[in-house]
C-alpha atoms as a PDB file:
ATOM      1  CA  MET A   1     122.761  28.508  93.696  1.00  0.00           C
ATOM      2  CA  ALA A   2     125.981  27.918  91.800  1.00  0.00           C
ATOM      3  CA  LEU A   3     129.425  29.383  92.102  1.00  0.00           C
ATOM      4  CA  ILE A   4     130.697  31.416  89.173  1.00  0.00           C
ATOM      5  CA  LYS A   5     133.942  33.274  88.578  1.00  0.00           C
ATOM      6  CA  CYS A   6     133.994  37.053  88.741  1.00  0.00           C
ATOM      7  CA  ARG A   7     134.917  38.609  85.411  1.00  0.00           C
ATOM      8  CA  GLU A   8     137.144  41.189  87.053  1.00  0.00           C
ATOM      9  CA  CYS A   9     139.064  39.462  89.844  1.00  0.00           C
ATOM     10  CA  GLY A  10     138.473  35.752  89.071  1.00  0.00           C
ATOM     11  CA  LYS A  11     137.254  34.852  92.583  1.00  0.00           C
ATOM     12  CA  GLU A  12     134.328  32.475  92.979  1.00  0.00           C
ATOM     13  CA  ILE A  13     131.042  34.159  93.880  1.00  0.00           C
ATOM     14  CA  SER A  14     127.400  33.186  94.123  1.00  0.00           C
ATOM     15  CA  SER A  15     125.422  33.201  90.871  1.00  0.00           C
ATOM     16  CA  GLU A  16     122.664  35.094  92.703  1.00  0.00           C
ATOM     17  CA  ALA A  17     124.959  37.942  93.789  1.00  0.00           C
ATOM     18  CA  THR A  18     124.421  41.316  92.138  1.00  0.00           C
ATOM     19  CA  SER A  19     128.080  42.277  92.533  1.00  0.00           C
ATOM     20  CA  CYS A  20     131.354  40.647  93.500  1.00  0.00           C
ATOM     21  CA  PRO A  21     131.960  40.947  97.291  1.00  0.00           C
ATOM     22  CA  ASN A  22     135.713  41.031  96.642  1.00  0.00           C
ATOM     23  CA  CYS A  23     136.088  43.709  93.945  1.00  0.00           C
ATOM     24  CA  GLY A  24     132.533  45.094  93.614  1.00  0.00           C
ATOM     25  CA  ALA A  25     132.190  44.345  89.882  1.00  0.00           C
ATOM     26  CA  PRO A  26     128.544  43.979  88.808  1.00  0.00           C
ATOM     27  CA  VAL A  27     127.484  40.435  87.957  1.00  0.00           C
ATOM     28  CA  LYS A  28     123.868  40.304  86.869  1.00  0.00           C
ATOM     29  CA  GLU A  29     123.568  43.822  85.517  1.00  0.00           C
ATOM     30  CA  ASP A  30     125.722  42.968  82.505  1.00  0.00           C
ATOM     31  CA  GLU A  31     123.690  39.849  81.806  1.00  0.00           C
ATOM     32  CA  ILE A  32     120.416  41.755  82.050  1.00  0.00           C
ATOM     33  CA  LYS A  33     121.664  44.428  79.648  1.00  0.00           C
ATOM     34  CA  LYS A  34     122.745  41.732  77.172  1.00  0.00           C
ATOM     35  CA  GLU A  35     119.316  40.071  77.355  1.00  0.00           C
ATOM     36  CA  ILE A  36     117.553  43.402  76.771  1.00  0.00           C
ATOM     37  CA  LYS A  37     119.772  44.190  73.777  1.00  0.00           C
ATOM     38  CA  ALA A  38     119.153  40.714  72.344  1.00  0.00           C
ATOM     39  CA  GLY A  39     115.395  41.174  72.792  1.00  0.00           C
ATOM     40  CA  ILE A  40     115.499  44.542  71.021  1.00  0.00           C
ATOM     41  CA  LYS A  41     117.466  43.035  68.128  1.00  0.00           C
ATOM     42  CA  ILE A  42     114.917  40.236  67.759  1.00  0.00           C
ATOM     43  CA  GLY A  43     112.067  42.764  67.906  1.00  0.00           C
ATOM     44  CA  LYS A  44     113.686  44.858  65.170  1.00  0.00           C
ATOM     45  CA  LYS A  45     114.163  41.793  62.971  1.00  0.00           C
ATOM     46  CA  ILE A  46     110.524  40.791  63.381  1.00  0.00           C
ATOM     47  CA  ALA A  47     109.393  44.344  62.563  1.00  0.00           C
ATOM     48  CA  ILE A  48     111.536  44.423  59.420  1.00  0.00           C
ATOM     49  CA  ILE A  49     110.212  41.033  58.282  1.00  0.00           C
ATOM     50  CA  PHE A  50     106.635  42.199  58.923  1.00  0.00           C
ATOM     51  CA  ILE A  51     107.134  45.406  56.917  1.00  0.00           C
ATOM     52  CA  ILE A  52     108.726  43.526  54.006  1.00  0.00           C
ATOM     53  CA  ALA A  53     105.879  40.990  53.992  1.00  0.00           C
ATOM     54  CA  LEU A  54     103.289  43.769  54.054  1.00  0.00           C
ATOM     55  CA  LEU A  55     104.981  45.597  51.165  1.00  0.00           C
ATOM     56  CA  LEU A  56     105.136  42.348  49.201  1.00  0.00           C
ATOM     57  CA  ILE A  57     101.407  41.792  49.712  1.00  0.00           C
ATOM     58  CA  ILE A  58     100.667  45.346  48.558  1.00  0.00           C
ATOM     59  CA  VAL A  59     102.840  44.955  45.452  1.00  0.00           C
ATOM     60  CA  VAL A  60     101.250  41.609  44.548  1.00  0.00           C
ATOM     61  CA  ALA A  61      97.765  43.053  45.045  1.00  0.00           C
ATOM     62  CA  PHE A  62      98.619  46.023  42.813  1.00  0.00           C
ATOM     63  CA  ILE A  63     100.042  43.773  40.094  1.00  0.00           C
ATOM     64  CA  PHE A  64      97.018  41.481  40.298  1.00  0.00           C
ATOM     65  CA  GLY A  65      94.607  44.402  40.087  1.00  0.00           C
ATOM     66  CA  TYR A  66      96.479  46.188  37.321  1.00  0.00           C
ATOM     67  CA  PHE A  67      97.362  43.374  34.951  1.00  0.00           C
ATOM     68  CA  ILE A  68      94.342  41.105  35.277  1.00  0.00           C
ATOM     69  CA  PRO A  69      91.735  42.574  32.947  1.00  0.00           C
ATOM     70  CA  SER A  70      88.226  42.941  34.175  1.00  0.00           C
ATOM     71  CA  HIS A  71      85.394  42.381  31.762  1.00  0.00           C
ATOM     72  CA  THR A  72      81.944  43.829  31.582  1.00  0.00           C
ATOM     73  CA  TYR A  73      79.449  41.847  29.560  1.00  0.00           C
ATOM     74  CA  VAL A  74      76.089  43.025  28.342  1.00  0.00           C
ATOM     75  CA  THR A  75      73.467  40.308  28.295  1.00  0.00           C
ATOM     76  CA  LYS A  76      69.720  40.075  28.074  1.00  0.00           C
ATOM     77  CA  ASP A  77      67.785  38.838  31.024  1.00  0.00           C
ATOM     78  CA  SER A  78      64.558  36.828  30.865  1.00  0.00           C
ATOM     79  CA  ASN A  79      62.480  40.026  30.425  1.00  0.00           C
ATOM     80  CA  GLY A  80      64.455  41.051  27.355  1.00  0.00           C
ATOM     81  CA  GLU A  81      66.210  43.931  29.109  1.00  0.00           C
ATOM     82  CA  TYR A  82      69.938  44.539  28.746  1.00  0.00           C
ATOM     83  CA  VAL A  83      71.943  43.948  31.898  1.00  0.00           C
ATOM     84  CA  GLU A  84      75.604  44.755  32.450  1.00  0.00           C
ATOM     85  CA  GLU A  85      77.448  41.981  34.179  1.00  0.00           C
ATOM     86  CA  PHE A  86      80.942  42.275  35.649  1.00  0.00           C
ATOM     87  CA  ARG A  87      83.213  39.239  35.560  1.00  0.00           C
ATOM     88  CA  LEU A  88      86.792  39.162  36.767  1.00  0.00           C
ATOM     89  CA  PHE A  89      87.843  36.246  34.541  1.00  0.00           C
END
């Protein structure tokens, strides 16, 4: 337990107090709200990064699939029959 100064009146109060006994100003409630807001901001940033990464993967996959030509070759097998064979490269 440490002593901290009240933001409103400046008196020293316990760090575990929920409000200042002198003026009644809330102590921990403000800190909790700040932590929640910071957590939400971090969550939003992670979600945005995830969406951008997913879109990048989709775009790269589309470009790879569209611009890389696929080839179909017709060859004869050992029985003399024609067989179509698909090769990516």
